[in-house]
Amino acid sequence: AAATAEEEPAAKAPPINEEDPLAEERMGFVREVGSQAVWSLSSCKPGFGVERLRDNIMDTYWQSDGQLPHLVNIQFHKRTNISQIYIYTDYKLDESYTPSRISIRSGTNFNDLQELQVIDLTEPNGWVQIPIKDGNVKSIRTFMLQIAVISNHQNGRDTHMRQIRVHAPCSGEGKHYPLELFGKFATVDFQKFATIR
């Protein structure tokens, strides 16, 4: 079906990053701030809830249980800089459960969310990086992000998402302190002590 004149074209799918997003975190360019937020979902199957999105295990997944759109809500306690979101999907395993169109929204609460961008995905396998920016500014400051699955491949009803990571730029332009200089500190426990607060 041809698109109507009123429809805005969706953004082209961002490149799929075969590397783990932890690499950028270990290099000190960004930090993961999803742990500072309250996460909620529009629906989920029992045992396939929000904890599956944050367990760092690629074999587990959130599975929705309801009508589209399926929503992931990420609410921060204070206004937070966000530069990118990574979403891990696996079309080979999930097929019709794999998202094909995602909307990224931002605001202070559920009542004033504004759509930042719409992303079309074609059979994604692995990490999908979604830059979050406001015009030429490479990050936004927000209290809330919402990831909305608008449609799935093969017109699937429910969706699977395996992991989500939310990145904030590290403070200090041009300054970063790669952990690799001090050894291979890849675990979350080690990274907790990467900076002095």
Protein backbone atom coordinates (compact mmCIF):
# COMPACT_ATOMS: atom_id res chain seq x y z
CA ALA A 1 0.00 0.00 0.00
CA ALA A 2 1.29 3.46 -0.86
CA ALA A 3 1.96 5.87 1.99
CA THR A 4 -0.51 8.73 2.35
CA ALA A 5 0.65 12.33 2.03
CA GLU A 6 0.10 12.95 5.77
CA GLU A 7 2.49 10.21 6.89
CA GLU A 8 5.99 11.29 7.84
CA PRO A 9 8.71 9.00 6.52
CA ALA A 10 10.37 6.97 9.23
CA ALA A 11 14.06 7.30 9.87
CA LYS A 12 16.25 4.75 8.16
CA ALA A 13 17.24 1.90 10.40
CA PRO A 14 20.41 2.76 12.29
CA PRO A 15 23.40 0.50 11.79
CA ILE A 16 23.40 -2.74 13.73
CA ASN A 17 26.44 -2.75 15.94
CA GLU A 18 27.90 -6.25 16.09
CA GLU A 19 29.99 -5.18 19.07
CA ASP A 20 28.75 -5.18 22.62
CA PRO A 21 27.71 -1.67 23.77
CA LEU A 22 29.78 -2.37 26.88
CA ALA A 23 32.82 -1.57 24.74
CA GLU A 24 31.87 2.13 24.65
CA GLU A 25 31.21 2.04 28.38
CA ARG A 26 34.60 0.47 29.07
CA MET A 27 36.29 3.10 26.88
CA GLY A 28 34.81 5.80 29.11
CA PHE A 29 32.86 7.65 26.39
CA VAL A 30 29.43 6.84 27.88
CA ARG A 31 27.91 5.39 31.02
CA GLU A 32 24.86 3.18 31.40
CA VAL A 33 22.12 5.02 33.32
CA GLY A 34 19.22 2.58 33.01
CA SER A 35 19.91 1.39 36.55
CA GLN A 36 19.00 4.89 37.81
CA ALA A 37 15.49 4.69 36.36
CA VAL A 38 12.18 3.05 37.21
CA TRP A 39 11.13 0.68 34.41
CA SER A 40 7.57 -0.33 33.56
CA LEU A 41 5.83 -2.13 30.70
CA SER A 42 2.43 -1.88 29.04
CA SER A 43 2.03 -5.66 29.42
CA CYS A 44 4.00 -8.88 29.82
CA LYS A 45 3.58 -12.63 29.96
CA PRO A 46 4.14 -14.06 33.46
CA GLY A 47 7.88 -14.66 33.94
CA PHE A 48 8.83 -12.51 30.93
CA GLY A 49 8.72 -9.07 32.51
CA VAL A 50 10.96 -6.03 32.83
CA GLU A 51 13.67 -7.92 34.73
CA ARG A 52 14.42 -9.83 31.50
CA LEU A 53 15.35 -6.57 29.73
CA ARG A 54 17.99 -5.78 32.34
CA ASP A 55 19.56 -9.15 33.21
CA ASN A 56 22.46 -8.95 30.69
CA ILE A 57 21.49 -12.38 29.31
CA MET A 58 20.82 -12.48 25.56
CA ASP A 59 18.85 -15.74 25.79
CA THR A 60 16.07 -14.18 27.90
CA TYR A 61 13.48 -11.67 26.70
CA TRP A 62 10.49 -9.54 27.58
CA GLN A 63 7.32 -10.78 25.90
CA SER A 64 4.34 -8.47 25.68
CA ASP A 65 0.79 -9.70 26.21
CA GLY A 66 -1.74 -7.28 24.78
CA GLN A 67 -2.62 -4.93 21.95
CA LEU A 68 -0.12 -2.86 20.00
CA PRO A 69 1.61 -0.54 20.66
CA HIS A 70 3.76 -2.29 23.28
CA LEU A 71 5.47 0.19 25.61
CA VAL A 72 8.68 0.25 27.65
CA ASN A 73 8.65 3.22 30.05
CA ILE A 74 11.92 4.46 31.57
CA GLN A 75 11.42 7.14 34.25
CA PHE A 76 14.34 8.93 35.89
CA HIS A 77 14.24 10.56 39.34
CA LYS A 78 15.97 13.65 37.98
CA ARG A 79 16.51 15.17 34.55
CA THR A 80 19.11 12.95 32.89
CA ASN A 81 21.30 13.32 29.79
CA ILE A 82 20.64 10.55 27.27
CA SER A 83 22.79 10.11 24.15
CA GLN A 84 21.76 6.69 22.83
CA ILE A 85 19.74 3.56 23.42
CA TYR A 86 20.86 0.05 22.51
CA ILE A 87 18.22 -2.61 21.87
CA TYR A 88 19.13 -6.27 21.40
CA THR A 89 16.88 -8.28 19.08
CA ASP A 90 17.21 -11.64 17.35
CA TYR A 91 15.05 -12.11 14.26
CA LYS A 92 16.39 -15.62 13.64
CA LEU A 93 14.96 -16.81 16.97
CA ASP A 94 11.97 -14.50 17.40
CA GLU A 95 10.65 -14.11 13.83
CA SER A 96 7.15 -12.54 14.02
CA TYR A 97 7.84 -11.36 17.59
CA THR A 98 10.66 -9.10 16.36
CA PRO A 99 9.85 -5.34 16.27
CA SER A 100 9.76 -3.82 12.79
CA ARG A 101 8.86 -0.22 13.72
CA ILE A 102 9.81 1.52 16.97
CA SER A 103 8.93 5.00 18.19
CA ILE A 104 11.20 6.79 20.70
CA ARG A 105 9.43 9.37 22.88
CA SER A 106 10.60 11.77 25.57
CA GLY A 107 9.01 14.03 28.17
CA THR A 108 8.61 14.79 31.86
CA ASN A 109 5.78 12.28 32.41
CA PHE A 110 3.18 10.17 30.58
CA ASN A 111 1.05 13.23 29.71
CA ASP A 112 3.56 15.26 27.69
CA LEU A 113 5.59 12.70 25.75
CA GLN A 114 6.83 13.94 22.37
CA GLU A 115 7.99 11.62 19.60
CA LEU A 116 11.69 12.06 18.85
CA GLN A 117 11.99 9.58 15.99
CA VAL A 118 10.53 6.49 14.37
CA ILE A 119 12.90 3.66 13.42
CA ASP A 120 12.16 0.94 10.86
CA LEU A 121 13.99 -2.35 11.40
CA THR A 122 14.43 -5.11 8.82
CA GLU A 123 15.11 -8.54 10.32
CA PRO A 124 17.56 -7.20 12.94
CA ASN A 125 19.99 -9.60 14.63
CA GLY A 126 22.11 -8.18 17.44
CA TRP A 127 22.48 -4.76 19.00
CA VAL A 128 20.68 -1.85 17.33
CA GLN A 129 22.07 1.55 18.29
CA ILE A 130 19.55 4.42 18.33
CA PRO A 131 21.17 7.87 18.77
CA ILE A 132 19.02 10.22 20.86
CA LYS A 133 19.54 13.83 19.87
CA ASP A 134 17.76 17.17 19.71
CA GLY A 135 18.63 18.89 16.43
CA ASN A 136 22.42 19.19 16.33
CA VAL A 137 22.81 18.49 20.05
CA LYS A 138 24.09 14.95 20.50
CA SER A 139 22.03 14.22 23.61
CA ILE A 140 18.82 15.25 25.35
CA ARG A 141 17.97 15.99 28.98
CA THR A 142 14.79 14.26 30.04
CA PHE A 143 12.85 12.77 32.94
CA MET A 144 11.26 10.02 30.88
CA LEU A 145 11.87 7.90 27.79
CA GLN A 146 9.32 5.65 26.18
CA ILE A 147 10.12 2.96 23.62
CA ALA A 148 6.95 2.06 21.71
CA VAL A 149 6.79 -0.99 19.45
CA ILE A 150 4.37 0.13 16.71
CA SER A 151 4.51 -3.04 14.61
CA ASN A 152 6.25 -6.41 14.40
CA HIS A 153 7.58 -8.46 11.51
CA GLN A 154 4.99 -10.62 9.69
CA ASN A 155 2.22 -8.61 11.43
CA GLY A 156 3.00 -10.32 14.73
CA ARG A 157 0.81 -9.38 17.70
CA ASP A 158 3.22 -9.67 20.64
CA THR A 159 6.85 -8.63 20.75
CA HIS A 160 10.16 -9.88 22.11
CA MET A 161 12.95 -7.56 23.24
CA ARG A 162 16.02 -9.19 24.72
CA GLN A 163 18.02 -6.33 26.24
CA ILE A 164 17.92 -2.53 26.49
CA ARG A 165 20.81 -0.32 27.56
CA VAL A 166 20.52 3.47 28.02
CA HIS A 167 23.68 5.58 27.63
CA ALA A 168 24.53 9.03 28.92
CA PRO A 169 27.60 10.93 27.71
CA CYS A 170 30.39 11.08 30.26
CA SER A 171 30.99 14.55 31.68
CA GLY A 172 34.00 16.49 30.52
CA GLU A 173 34.25 17.07 26.79
CA GLY A 174 37.18 15.25 25.28
CA LYS A 175 38.09 13.55 28.54
CA HIS A 176 37.71 9.85 28.98
CA TYR A 177 39.58 7.29 30.98
CA PRO A 178 39.53 3.89 29.31
CA LEU A 179 39.44 1.08 31.85
CA GLU A 180 41.53 -0.94 29.40
CA LEU A 181 44.53 1.14 30.48
CA PHE A 182 44.26 -0.56 33.86
CA GLY A 183 43.28 -4.06 32.75
CA LYS A 184 40.24 -5.89 31.40
CA PHE A 185 37.57 -4.72 33.82
CA ALA A 186 34.43 -5.82 32.03
CA THR A 187 32.04 -6.73 34.82
CA VAL A 188 29.39 -4.42 36.25
CA ASP A 189 30.87 -4.81 39.74
CA PHE A 190 34.25 -3.49 38.53
CA GLN A 191 32.64 -0.63 36.61
CA LYS A 192 30.89 0.61 39.75
CA PHE A 193 34.31 1.78 40.93
CA ALA A 194 35.41 3.29 37.61
CA THR A 195 34.82 6.86 38.78
CA ILE A 196 34.92 8.83 42.01
CA ARG A 197 31.68 10.60 42.90
